[in-house]
Amino acid sequence: MTASVAVRDPESPAGAPSRWGRLGALPWGWIGPLAVSALAGFLVFHRLGTPHAIIWDETYYAKDAWALLHYGVEHNWRMSQDGAVANAHFLAGHPVAGLAGGGEWAAHPPLGKWFIAAGMAVFGTGPFGFRSAAAVAGVLTVLILARTARRMTGSTVLGCAAGLLLALDGSWLVSSRTALLDIFLLLWIVAGFACLVVDRDRTRAALAASMARTPAEDTGDGPSGDRPGGPFLRHGWRIGAGLCFGLACGTKWSGVYAMAFFWLLALLWDRGARKDAGVARPWRGMLRLDLLPSLLQMWALAAAVYLAGWWGWFASGTSVQEALFGQRLPGFQRDWAARHPSGVWPSFLDPVRSLWHYHAMTLDFHGSVTAPNPAQSWPWQWAYVGHPAVMYRGAVQRGQDGCDAARCVTEVSHLGTPVLWWFSAGALLAVLAYAVFLRDWRAGAAAGGYLAGWLPWFPAALDDRTMYSTYALPMLPFAVLAVVLLFEGVHTAYRDRPWRRALVSAGGAAFVLAVAVNLYVLYPILTAEPVSESGWQSRLWLPGWT
């Protein structure tokens, strides 16, 4: 598996670039991914306000985002288990009428809801408004993945294919069209990974340049061996990774799984870079020169970003909140430490103690959610799209919303595009073999990223912890990368056989077309487009899809 190489376009006899040369000189590395992102934008923004309802966990996140915008903290609501009372007031444009007293306990950190709030600040509190930030996040994820895949393969075509496959997945589409947290988690995981890939390239180039200027004895190969581990490297892009992974963890705690894996992988990349550059003791160089900076650049920075996301909660009940929002409303458990004074910790740490208690309560809650739910699915079902969460289902009579049957069904199902997910399972096995036997760093990143989003859920599943198909979303971009890397590997293997290379290219194009057709067929039950009952039934391919 090797990166493709650009070919210089021939010049015209007069020495001026030919027409093809001028076309080739255009920045296709940006034009292609931006074009794919524009298509993704059309898919998510078309009918974004449909259904005109609060669906699934929008009942928490949309209203919490509104509360953050107006109070800086989550506010309690007058609601039954399905949120009926408060949701009716919210959709009618009178959210204040649905409020109850006091700050609300929230199961997830506030950062993701602040992103939703930003969209509402621009587009209003209706369904389009509270879903707009998720749509933007989904499109940005497509762009970043396309650019990252291009960097990993050296091919603009493959980079665009990766972005396009992501945009043609049903679970990405639904997540980008609903005011949930998962799409923001996905965005920051992909962005953090992208920063590490750029850092890998930049630091390898800097290391090679440094070694070229360094006498042999300073690398440990000469008699003095003053620097057997090699030179110190700045890893500037790793700061960006720490920022992005902090935003991921500030959206959902599960972002820490990806962060931990990619931090370890980046250190292995550091060791490999030093070894490839001819450093005598690459492990020593990595442990002495890269480990501590990586802890600061990623873990310490991510922790700071995470805490910064709680700024509204820290400010709640204080004059700062009053100055910003016009009133004081202490956040949930904000004054717990004041009610439970400590004989050990000084009083100025009371907010930190209160936040720690809040987190302990939340962690205990997440470990105790075991009640059966008809929408729940298990991790072993995610890879084959065995039981997607049905987020919304309604009925439409003939003549309404384009229904031309006696009765139509509208549904939003968090259903990944099966052709993509099923094929990616085999592709992952192939790239895992590439990673183990060929030591291909790209294959290791794709397979490892997929497993980092999947395997940590198995212990909780064995304890009957309730979970849903939405949790599988961070696996998706790495499944896409596995598919792209597999096609690149097969294509490269036939570099000297043009006809076979052409067949592989045709097969890749046919696969993308098959994914697109699959999405087209399923589109109605992903976007609440009215479809006849028989048409709805025909799209339920597996028993778990009902």
Protein backbone atom coordinates (compact mmCIF):
# COMPACT_ATOMS: atom_id res chain seq x y z
CA MET A 1 0.00 0.00 0.00
CA THR A 2 1.77 3.13 -1.21
CA ALA A 3 0.68 6.69 -1.78
CA SER A 4 -0.03 7.66 -5.34
CA VAL A 5 2.41 9.93 -7.15
CA ALA A 6 1.46 13.04 -9.10
CA VAL A 7 2.35 13.02 -12.81
CA ARG A 8 3.49 16.23 -14.49
CA ASP A 9 1.27 17.26 -17.40
CA PRO A 10 3.15 17.75 -20.70
CA GLU A 11 3.70 21.30 -21.86
CA SER A 12 2.73 22.65 -25.27
CA PRO A 13 5.42 23.03 -27.92
CA ALA A 14 5.69 26.75 -27.23
CA GLY A 15 6.58 26.04 -23.62
CA ALA A 16 3.28 27.30 -22.21
CA PRO A 17 1.20 24.84 -20.19
CA SER A 18 -1.42 22.95 -22.19
CA ARG A 19 -5.13 23.12 -21.42
CA TRP A 20 -4.83 19.94 -19.39
CA GLY A 21 -1.82 21.41 -17.64
CA ARG A 22 -3.81 24.47 -16.62
CA LEU A 23 -6.61 22.26 -15.34
CA GLY A 24 -4.14 20.11 -13.45
CA ALA A 25 -2.65 23.21 -11.85
CA LEU A 26 -5.94 24.00 -10.11
CA PRO A 27 -6.06 23.22 -6.38
CA TRP A 28 -8.05 20.03 -6.77
CA GLY A 29 -6.95 18.94 -3.31
CA TRP A 30 -9.37 21.57 -2.02
CA ILE A 31 -11.84 21.83 -4.90
CA GLY A 32 -12.72 18.12 -4.78
CA PRO A 33 -13.31 17.86 -1.00
CA LEU A 34 -15.25 21.14 -1.00
CA ALA A 35 -17.47 19.86 -3.83
CA VAL A 36 -18.16 16.66 -1.88
CA SER A 37 -18.90 18.77 1.20
CA ALA A 38 -21.36 20.86 -0.82
CA LEU A 39 -23.21 17.66 -1.76
CA ALA A 40 -23.20 16.65 1.90
CA GLY A 41 -24.60 20.06 2.77
CA PHE A 42 -27.48 19.60 0.34
CA LEU A 43 -28.31 16.20 1.85
CA VAL A 44 -28.47 17.49 5.41
CA PHE A 45 -30.00 20.94 4.91
CA HIS A 46 -32.74 19.83 2.51
CA ARG A 47 -35.94 19.61 4.62
CA LEU A 48 -33.85 19.99 7.78
CA GLY A 49 -36.87 21.27 9.72
CA THR A 50 -38.78 18.05 8.97
CA PRO A 51 -40.27 16.54 11.00
CA HIS A 52 -41.64 19.59 12.79
CA ALA A 53 -41.30 17.84 16.11
CA ILE A 54 -38.84 17.22 18.92
CA ILE A 55 -37.63 13.70 18.26
CA TRP A 56 -35.63 11.21 20.30
CA ASP A 57 -33.16 12.87 22.67
CA GLU A 58 -33.76 16.28 21.14
CA THR A 59 -36.18 16.48 24.04
CA TYR A 60 -33.11 16.98 26.25
CA TYR A 61 -30.49 18.62 24.09
CA ALA A 62 -32.56 21.19 22.19
CA LYS A 63 -34.20 22.51 25.34
CA ASP A 64 -30.95 22.37 27.32
CA ALA A 65 -29.24 24.34 24.55
CA TRP A 66 -31.93 27.00 24.77
CA ALA A 67 -31.44 27.15 28.55
CA LEU A 68 -27.67 27.54 28.12
CA LEU A 69 -28.29 30.41 25.73
CA HIS A 70 -30.52 32.22 28.23
CA TYR A 71 -29.18 31.16 31.64
CA GLY A 72 -25.70 29.69 31.06
CA VAL A 73 -26.79 26.40 32.67
CA GLU A 74 -29.36 23.68 32.06
CA HIS A 75 -32.80 24.55 33.48
CA ASN A 76 -35.54 22.25 34.77
CA TRP A 77 -38.61 21.77 32.57
CA ARG A 78 -42.25 20.89 33.16
CA MET A 79 -42.28 17.55 31.45
CA SER A 80 -43.43 13.96 31.69
CA GLN A 81 -41.16 11.14 30.58
CA ASP A 82 -41.78 11.95 26.90
CA GLY A 83 -41.35 15.68 27.51
CA ALA A 84 -44.90 16.40 26.30
CA VAL A 85 -45.73 19.57 28.27
CA ALA A 86 -42.47 21.43 27.80
CA ASN A 87 -42.04 20.23 24.21
CA ALA A 88 -45.43 21.61 23.18
CA HIS A 89 -44.56 25.05 24.57
CA PHE A 90 -41.10 24.88 23.01
CA LEU A 91 -42.38 24.07 19.51
CA ALA A 92 -45.05 26.76 19.84
CA GLY A 93 -42.30 29.32 20.37
CA HIS A 94 -42.97 29.87 24.07
CA PRO A 95 -40.22 27.91 25.84
CA VAL A 96 -40.43 29.98 29.03
CA ALA A 97 -43.94 28.60 29.61
CA GLY A 98 -42.45 25.11 29.86
CA LEU A 99 -39.88 25.91 32.54
CA ALA A 100 -39.94 24.51 36.05
CA GLY A 101 -37.85 25.72 38.97
CA GLY A 102 -34.13 25.25 39.51
CA GLY A 103 -31.11 23.98 37.64
CA GLU A 104 -31.41 20.65 35.81
CA TRP A 105 -29.20 17.61 36.16
CA ALA A 106 -27.69 16.69 32.78
CA ALA A 107 -26.21 13.32 31.84
CA HIS A 108 -23.59 14.81 29.51
CA PRO A 109 -21.15 17.73 29.66
CA PRO A 110 -22.36 21.06 28.28
CA LEU A 111 -20.04 21.66 25.30
CA GLY A 112 -22.11 19.82 22.71
CA LYS A 113 -25.22 21.69 23.84
CA TRP A 114 -23.37 24.98 23.51
CA PHE A 115 -22.80 24.13 19.83
CA ILE A 116 -26.53 23.51 19.41
CA ALA A 117 -27.20 26.79 21.21
CA ALA A 118 -24.95 28.61 18.72
CA GLY A 119 -27.15 27.39 15.87
CA MET A 120 -30.27 28.49 17.71
CA ALA A 121 -28.76 31.92 18.30
CA VAL A 122 -28.44 32.32 14.51
CA PHE A 123 -31.50 30.49 13.13
CA GLY A 124 -34.01 30.58 15.99
CA THR A 125 -35.57 27.98 18.26
CA GLY A 126 -37.56 26.04 15.67
CA PRO A 127 -36.56 22.59 14.36
CA PHE A 128 -34.34 24.07 11.65
CA GLY A 129 -32.63 26.27 14.21
CA PHE A 130 -31.90 23.64 16.81
CA ARG A 131 -30.69 21.19 14.13
CA SER A 132 -28.56 23.65 12.16
CA ALA A 133 -25.37 23.28 14.20
CA ALA A 134 -25.50 19.49 13.85
CA ALA A 135 -25.85 19.91 10.08
CA VAL A 136 -22.80 22.18 9.95
CA ALA A 137 -20.83 19.73 12.11
CA GLY A 138 -21.73 16.85 9.78
CA VAL A 139 -20.58 18.75 6.69
CA LEU A 140 -17.32 19.79 8.37
CA THR A 141 -16.67 16.15 9.27
CA VAL A 142 -17.00 15.18 5.60
CA LEU A 143 -14.54 17.89 4.58
CA ILE A 144 -11.97 16.96 7.23
CA LEU A 145 -12.19 13.24 6.46
CA ALA A 146 -11.77 13.88 2.73
CA ARG A 147 -8.69 16.02 3.32
CA THR A 148 -7.25 13.52 5.81
CA ALA A 149 -7.80 10.52 3.51
CA ARG A 150 -6.16 12.51 0.70
CA ARG A 151 -3.13 13.15 2.91
CA MET A 152 -2.94 9.48 3.93
CA THR A 153 -3.18 8.12 0.39
CA GLY A 154 -1.65 10.92 -1.67
CA SER A 155 -4.72 10.77 -3.93
CA THR A 156 -7.36 13.47 -4.32
CA VAL A 157 -9.71 10.93 -5.89
CA LEU A 158 -9.46 8.59 -2.90
CA GLY A 159 -9.80 11.49 -0.49
CA CYS A 160 -12.99 12.61 -2.22
CA ALA A 161 -14.22 9.00 -2.23
CA ALA A 162 -13.78 8.84 1.54
CA GLY A 163 -15.73 12.05 2.07
CA LEU A 164 -18.43 10.91 -0.35
CA LEU A 165 -18.85 7.52 1.33
CA LEU A 166 -19.26 9.24 4.68
CA ALA A 167 -21.89 11.57 3.21
CA LEU A 168 -23.75 8.59 1.73
CA ASP A 169 -24.12 6.81 5.07
CA GLY A 170 -27.54 6.83 6.67
CA SER A 171 -26.35 7.05 10.27
CA TRP A 172 -24.19 10.08 9.41
CA LEU A 173 -27.17 11.66 7.62
CA VAL A 174 -29.59 11.15 10.50
CA SER A 175 -27.05 12.29 13.08
CA SER A 176 -26.39 15.44 11.04
CA ARG A 177 -30.13 16.18 10.83
CA THR A 178 -30.96 15.86 14.52
CA ALA A 179 -30.01 17.96 17.54
CA LEU A 180 -28.05 15.16 19.24
CA LEU A 181 -24.52 15.15 20.61
CA ASP A 182 -23.10 12.28 18.57
CA ILE A 183 -22.30 14.29 15.44
CA PHE A 184 -20.25 16.79 17.47
CA LEU A 185 -18.40 13.92 19.12
CA LEU A 186 -17.68 12.54 15.64
CA LEU A 187 -16.49 15.91 14.33
CA TRP A 188 -13.94 16.44 17.09
CA ILE A 189 -12.65 12.86 17.00
CA VAL A 190 -12.06 13.11 13.25
CA ALA A 191 -10.52 16.58 13.63
CA GLY A 192 -8.22 15.36 16.41
CA PHE A 193 -7.14 12.40 14.31
CA ALA A 194 -6.54 14.72 11.34
CA CYS A 195 -4.28 16.93 13.47
CA LEU A 196 -2.21 13.90 14.49
CA VAL A 197 -1.84 12.78 10.86
CA VAL A 198 -0.59 16.25 9.89
CA ASP A 199 1.71 16.23 12.92
CA ARG A 200 3.12 12.89 11.85
CA ASP A 201 4.01 14.21 8.42
CA ARG A 202 5.42 17.52 9.66
CA THR A 203 7.55 16.04 12.44
CA ARG A 204 8.96 13.31 10.18
CA ALA A 205 10.06 16.01 7.74
CA ALA A 206 11.53 18.08 10.57
CA LEU A 207 13.29 15.02 12.00
CA ALA A 208 14.81 14.13 8.64
CA ALA A 209 16.05 17.70 8.18
CA SER A 210 17.51 17.78 11.67
CA MET A 211 19.28 14.47 11.24
CA ALA A 212 20.74 15.64 7.94
CA ARG A 213 22.31 18.60 9.72
CA THR A 214 23.47 16.62 12.77
CA PRO A 215 26.90 14.94 12.90
CA ALA A 216 26.73 11.16 13.09
CA GLU A 217 28.31 11.05 16.54
CA ASP A 218 25.42 13.10 17.99
CA THR A 219 22.88 10.48 16.94
CA GLY A 220 24.61 7.71 18.81
CA ASP A 221 26.13 6.19 15.69
CA GLY A 222 29.52 7.81 16.29
CA PRO A 223 32.00 7.48 19.13
CA SER A 224 30.52 10.13 21.43
CA GLY A 225 26.82 9.27 21.22
CA ASP A 226 25.73 12.51 22.88
CA ARG A 227 22.11 12.24 21.62
CA PRO A 228 21.33 8.56 21.15
CA GLY A 229 17.59 9.29 21.21
CA GLY A 230 17.75 11.91 18.46
CA PRO A 231 16.67 15.58 18.53
CA PHE A 232 13.74 17.18 20.35
CA LEU A 233 10.68 17.85 18.15
CA ARG A 234 8.00 20.46 18.78
CA HIS A 235 4.87 18.57 17.60
CA GLY A 236 2.89 21.77 17.10
CA TRP A 237 -0.11 20.05 15.51
CA ARG A 238 -0.42 17.86 18.59
CA ILE A 239 -1.70 20.95 20.39
CA GLY A 240 -4.54 21.06 17.88
CA ALA A 241 -5.24 17.40 18.59
CA GLY A 242 -5.40 18.08 22.33
CA LEU A 243 -7.85 20.92 21.70
CA CYS A 244 -10.07 18.76 19.48
CA PHE A 245 -10.07 15.75 21.80
CA GLY A 246 -10.87 18.07 24.70
CA LEU A 247 -13.89 19.30 22.74
CA ALA A 248 -14.86 15.66 22.06
CA CYS A 249 -14.69 14.73 25.74
CA GLY A 250 -16.53 17.94 26.62
CA THR A 251 -19.34 16.74 24.37
CA LYS A 252 -19.48 13.13 25.57
CA TRP A 253 -17.21 11.27 27.94
CA SER A 254 -16.82 8.46 25.41
CA GLY A 255 -14.47 10.73 23.48
CA VAL A 256 -11.76 9.62 25.89
CA TYR A 257 -11.64 6.18 24.23
CA ALA A 258 -10.52 7.64 20.90
CA MET A 259 -8.20 10.09 22.62
CA ALA A 260 -6.41 7.39 24.60
CA PHE A 261 -5.92 5.18 21.55
CA PHE A 262 -4.65 7.91 19.25
CA TRP A 263 -2.34 9.29 21.93
CA LEU A 264 -0.69 5.88 22.25
CA LEU A 265 -0.63 5.48 18.47
CA ALA A 266 1.02 8.89 18.06
CA LEU A 267 3.79 7.84 20.47
CA LEU A 268 4.35 4.70 18.40
CA TRP A 269 4.56 6.91 15.33
CA ASP A 270 7.20 8.97 17.14
CA ARG A 271 9.23 5.87 17.87
CA GLY A 272 8.90 4.72 14.26
CA ALA A 273 9.93 8.12 12.94
CA ARG A 274 13.09 8.12 15.03
CA LYS A 275 13.92 4.58 13.96
CA ASP A 276 13.39 5.38 10.27
CA ALA A 277 15.58 8.48 10.61
CA GLY A 278 18.48 6.34 11.82
CA VAL A 279 18.36 7.18 15.52
CA ALA A 280 20.31 4.60 17.50
CA ARG A 281 17.81 4.26 20.37
CA PRO A 282 14.35 5.26 19.12
CA TRP A 283 12.47 3.97 22.17
CA ARG A 284 14.67 6.05 24.46
CA GLY A 285 14.16 9.08 22.24
CA MET A 286 10.39 8.68 22.29
CA LEU A 287 10.18 8.13 26.06
CA ARG A 288 12.55 10.97 26.93
CA LEU A 289 11.67 13.55 24.32
CA ASP A 290 8.09 12.87 23.18
CA LEU A 291 6.19 11.33 26.09
CA LEU A 292 6.11 14.23 28.54
CA PRO A 293 5.34 16.90 25.90
CA SER A 294 2.52 14.71 24.59
CA LEU A 295 1.01 14.52 28.07
CA LEU A 296 0.97 18.31 28.23
CA GLN A 297 -0.08 18.91 24.63
CA MET A 298 -2.90 16.39 24.64
CA TRP A 299 -4.04 15.33 28.10
CA ALA A 300 -3.40 18.54 30.03
CA LEU A 301 -4.79 20.71 27.24
CA ALA A 302 -7.81 18.45 26.78
CA ALA A 303 -8.52 18.64 30.51
CA ALA A 304 -8.33 22.44 30.39
CA VAL A 305 -10.71 22.56 27.42
CA TYR A 306 -13.09 20.18 29.17
CA LEU A 307 -13.19 22.33 32.32
CA ALA A 308 -13.61 25.49 30.24
CA GLY A 309 -16.76 23.96 28.79
CA TRP A 310 -18.29 24.16 32.28
CA TRP A 311 -17.77 27.92 32.50
CA GLY A 312 -21.51 28.61 32.62
CA TRP A 313 -21.95 26.20 35.51
CA PHE A 314 -19.01 27.76 37.39
CA ALA A 315 -20.50 31.24 36.82
CA SER A 316 -24.03 30.20 37.82
CA GLY A 317 -25.42 31.71 40.98
CA THR A 318 -22.82 34.49 40.88
CA SER A 319 -22.69 38.12 39.81
CA VAL A 320 -21.03 37.01 36.56
CA GLN A 321 -24.16 35.08 35.58
CA GLU A 322 -26.32 38.04 36.57
CA ALA A 323 -24.26 40.39 34.45
CA LEU A 324 -24.37 38.09 31.41
CA PHE A 325 -27.90 36.70 31.64
CA GLY A 326 -29.76 39.13 33.87
CA GLN A 327 -30.48 36.73 36.74
CA ARG A 328 -28.97 34.22 39.09
CA LEU A 329 -29.78 30.52 38.75
CA PRO A 330 -27.36 28.10 40.43
CA GLY A 331 -26.60 25.10 38.26
CA PHE A 332 -27.35 21.59 39.44
CA GLN A 333 -25.27 20.80 42.56
CA ARG A 334 -23.42 24.12 42.16
CA ASP A 335 -23.66 24.82 45.90
CA TRP A 336 -23.26 21.21 47.09
CA ALA A 337 -19.87 21.88 48.68
CA ALA A 338 -21.24 24.88 50.58
CA ARG A 339 -23.92 22.61 52.07
CA HIS A 340 -21.30 19.95 52.83
CA PRO A 341 -18.27 21.83 54.20
CA SER A 342 -14.94 20.03 54.31
CA GLY A 343 -12.45 20.07 57.13
CA VAL A 344 -9.64 19.39 54.66
CA TRP A 345 -10.23 21.41 51.50
CA PRO A 346 -10.22 25.22 51.58
CA SER A 347 -13.49 26.97 50.77
CA PHE A 348 -12.21 28.53 47.52
CA LEU A 349 -12.16 25.00 46.09
CA ASP A 350 -15.88 24.54 46.78
CA PRO A 351 -16.83 24.85 43.08
CA VAL A 352 -14.33 22.12 42.19
CA ARG A 353 -15.63 19.86 44.97
CA SER A 354 -19.19 20.46 43.80
CA LEU A 355 -18.28 19.61 40.21
CA TRP A 356 -16.51 16.45 41.37
CA HIS A 357 -19.65 15.41 43.24
CA TYR A 358 -21.75 16.18 40.16
CA HIS A 359 -19.48 13.95 38.07
CA ALA A 360 -19.62 11.15 40.65
CA MET A 361 -23.42 11.23 40.50
CA THR A 362 -23.37 11.19 36.70
CA LEU A 363 -20.91 8.32 36.53
CA ASP A 364 -23.06 6.32 38.91
CA PHE A 365 -26.09 7.05 36.75
CA HIS A 366 -24.41 5.88 33.54
CA GLY A 367 -23.42 2.63 35.22
CA SER A 368 -26.96 1.97 36.43
CA VAL A 369 -28.92 2.49 33.20
CA THR A 370 -30.03 -1.09 32.60
CA ALA A 371 -33.78 -0.79 32.00
CA PRO A 372 -34.82 -2.57 28.77
CA ASN A 373 -35.73 -0.28 25.88
CA PRO A 374 -37.22 -1.38 22.55
CA ALA A 375 -34.78 0.93 20.72
CA GLN A 376 -31.65 -0.38 22.41
CA SER A 377 -29.00 -2.35 20.56
CA TRP A 378 -25.85 -4.20 21.55
CA PRO A 379 -22.32 -3.53 20.29
CA TRP A 380 -22.19 -6.84 18.43
CA GLN A 381 -25.16 -5.62 16.37
CA TRP A 382 -23.58 -2.34 15.31
CA ALA A 383 -21.14 -3.71 12.74
CA TYR A 384 -23.93 -5.30 10.67
CA VAL A 385 -26.56 -2.60 11.38
CA GLY A 386 -28.66 -5.11 13.28
CA HIS A 387 -30.94 -2.90 15.36
CA PRO A 388 -31.00 0.82 14.52
CA ALA A 389 -32.80 3.19 16.86
CA VAL A 390 -36.13 4.38 15.48
CA MET A 391 -36.16 8.01 16.58
CA TYR A 392 -39.50 9.07 15.17
CA ARG A 393 -42.54 7.51 13.54
CA GLY A 394 -45.75 9.16 12.45
CA ALA A 395 -48.76 8.60 10.21
CA VAL A 396 -49.90 10.72 7.27
CA GLN A 397 -53.26 10.48 5.53
CA ARG A 398 -53.79 10.58 1.76
CA GLY A 399 -53.24 14.02 0.28
CA GLN A 400 -51.08 15.27 3.14
CA ASP A 401 -47.37 16.03 2.65
CA GLY A 402 -47.36 14.31 -0.73
CA CYS A 403 -48.89 11.03 0.49
CA ASP A 404 -50.59 9.30 -2.45
CA ALA A 405 -51.57 6.11 -0.60
CA ALA A 406 -54.47 5.43 1.75
CA ARG A 407 -52.08 5.90 4.64
CA CYS A 408 -48.38 6.76 4.76
CA VAL A 409 -45.67 6.30 7.34
CA THR A 410 -43.05 8.88 8.27
CA GLU A 411 -40.00 7.61 10.10
CA VAL A 412 -36.53 8.65 11.20
CA SER A 413 -34.41 5.55 11.75
CA HIS A 414 -30.75 5.79 12.75
CA LEU A 415 -29.89 3.27 10.06
CA GLY A 416 -26.42 3.12 8.55
CA THR A 417 -26.21 2.37 4.83
CA PRO A 418 -25.96 -1.45 4.89
CA VAL A 419 -23.84 -1.85 1.74
CA LEU A 420 -21.17 0.38 3.27
CA TRP A 421 -21.20 -1.17 6.74
CA TRP A 422 -21.31 -4.76 5.52
CA PHE A 423 -18.47 -4.29 3.03
CA SER A 424 -16.40 -2.35 5.56
CA ALA A 425 -16.40 -5.36 7.91
CA GLY A 426 -14.38 -7.33 5.36
CA ALA A 427 -12.25 -4.30 4.53
CA LEU A 428 -11.36 -3.93 8.19
CA LEU A 429 -10.13 -7.50 8.35
CA ALA A 430 -7.98 -6.83 5.30
CA VAL A 431 -6.44 -3.61 6.64
CA LEU A 432 -5.89 -5.26 10.00
CA ALA A 433 -3.79 -7.83 8.14
CA TYR A 434 -1.97 -4.97 6.38
CA ALA A 435 -1.25 -3.40 9.77
CA VAL A 436 0.07 -6.61 11.32
CA PHE A 437 2.03 -8.12 8.44
CA LEU A 438 3.00 -5.09 6.36
CA ARG A 439 3.40 -2.61 9.21
CA ASP A 440 1.26 -0.09 7.34
CA TRP A 441 0.65 2.83 9.71
CA ARG A 442 -2.47 3.94 7.84
CA ALA A 443 -4.07 0.53 8.14
CA GLY A 444 -3.27 0.46 11.85
CA ALA A 445 -4.88 3.86 12.33
CA ALA A 446 -8.06 2.85 10.48
CA ALA A 447 -8.47 -0.53 12.18
CA GLY A 448 -7.48 0.83 15.58
CA GLY A 449 -9.78 3.83 15.35
CA TYR A 450 -12.69 1.53 14.49
CA LEU A 451 -11.93 -0.81 17.39
CA ALA A 452 -11.41 2.11 19.81
CA GLY A 453 -14.96 3.23 19.07
CA TRP A 454 -16.37 -0.28 19.42
CA LEU A 455 -14.60 -2.55 21.90
CA PRO A 456 -14.89 -0.31 25.02
CA TRP A 457 -18.66 -0.79 24.97
CA PHE A 458 -18.55 -4.57 25.33
CA PRO A 459 -17.88 -4.73 29.11
CA ALA A 460 -20.83 -2.41 29.78
CA ALA A 461 -23.00 -4.45 27.42
CA LEU A 462 -22.16 -7.63 29.32
CA ASP A 463 -23.47 -5.83 32.43
CA ASP A 464 -26.74 -5.14 30.56
CA ARG A 465 -26.08 -1.41 30.28
CA THR A 466 -28.70 0.11 27.97
CA MET A 467 -27.12 1.48 24.78
CA TYR A 468 -28.14 2.47 21.28
CA SER A 469 -26.96 2.40 17.69
CA THR A 470 -26.04 6.09 17.91
CA TYR A 471 -23.02 5.07 20.00
CA ALA A 472 -21.51 3.40 16.93
CA LEU A 473 -21.12 6.65 14.98
CA PRO A 474 -17.39 7.16 15.89
CA MET A 475 -16.66 3.82 14.19
CA LEU A 476 -17.93 5.08 10.84
CA PRO A 477 -15.07 7.29 9.52
CA PHE A 478 -12.53 4.56 10.21
CA ALA A 479 -14.71 2.00 8.45
CA VAL A 480 -14.70 4.39 5.47
CA LEU A 481 -10.91 4.74 5.65
CA ALA A 482 -10.58 0.96 5.71
CA VAL A 483 -12.61 0.68 2.50
CA VAL A 484 -10.56 3.39 0.78
CA LEU A 485 -7.25 1.87 1.88
CA LEU A 486 -8.33 -1.56 0.69
CA PHE A 487 -9.15 -0.25 -2.78
CA GLU A 488 -5.87 1.67 -2.85
CA GLY A 489 -3.93 -1.45 -1.85
CA VAL A 490 -5.51 -3.59 -4.56
CA HIS A 491 -5.12 -0.83 -7.14
CA THR A 492 -1.43 -0.41 -6.31
CA ALA A 493 -0.83 -4.16 -6.50
CA TYR A 494 -1.70 -4.00 -10.22
CA ARG A 495 0.44 -0.95 -11.01
CA ASP A 496 2.04 -2.79 -13.95
CA ARG A 497 -1.19 -4.26 -15.29
CA PRO A 498 -3.30 -1.45 -16.77
CA TRP A 499 -6.36 -3.54 -17.55
CA ARG A 500 -6.60 -4.92 -14.04
CA ARG A 501 -6.04 -1.48 -12.59
CA ALA A 502 -8.90 -0.25 -14.75
CA LEU A 503 -11.12 -3.07 -13.47
CA VAL A 504 -10.28 -2.19 -9.87
CA SER A 505 -11.08 1.47 -10.56
CA ALA A 506 -14.38 0.45 -12.15
CA GLY A 507 -15.12 -1.76 -9.17
CA GLY A 508 -14.46 1.11 -6.79
CA ALA A 509 -16.76 3.41 -8.75
CA ALA A 510 -19.42 0.69 -8.82
CA PHE A 511 -19.15 0.29 -5.05
CA VAL A 512 -19.67 4.02 -4.46
CA LEU A 513 -22.65 3.90 -6.83
CA ALA A 514 -24.10 0.92 -4.94
CA VAL A 515 -23.79 2.82 -1.64
CA ALA A 516 -25.51 5.84 -3.24
CA VAL A 517 -28.37 3.69 -4.57
CA ASN A 518 -28.73 2.01 -1.18
CA LEU A 519 -29.02 5.41 0.52
CA TYR A 520 -31.55 6.54 -2.09
CA VAL A 521 -33.74 3.53 -1.39
CA LEU A 522 -33.62 4.04 2.37
CA TYR A 523 -33.81 7.84 2.27
CA PRO A 524 -37.54 8.09 3.15
CA ILE A 525 -37.18 6.24 6.45
CA LEU A 526 -34.12 8.31 7.36
CA THR A 527 -35.69 11.73 6.82
CA ALA A 528 -39.40 11.35 7.67
CA GLU A 529 -40.43 11.49 4.01
CA PRO A 530 -43.95 10.03 3.65
CA VAL A 531 -43.97 6.54 2.18
CA SER A 532 -46.81 4.02 1.83
CA GLU A 533 -47.06 1.28 4.40
CA SER A 534 -46.07 -1.31 1.82
CA GLY A 535 -43.11 0.85 0.78
CA TRP A 536 -42.13 1.23 4.42
CA GLN A 537 -42.29 -2.52 5.00
CA SER A 538 -40.19 -3.19 1.89
CA ARG A 539 -37.36 -1.15 3.37
CA LEU A 540 -37.21 -3.13 6.61
CA TRP A 541 -34.67 -5.71 5.45
CA LEU A 542 -33.80 -7.21 8.83
CA PRO A 543 -36.12 -8.10 11.74
CA GLY A 544 -34.33 -5.64 14.03
CA TRP A 545 -35.13 -2.69 11.75
CA THR A 546 -38.75 -2.40 12.82
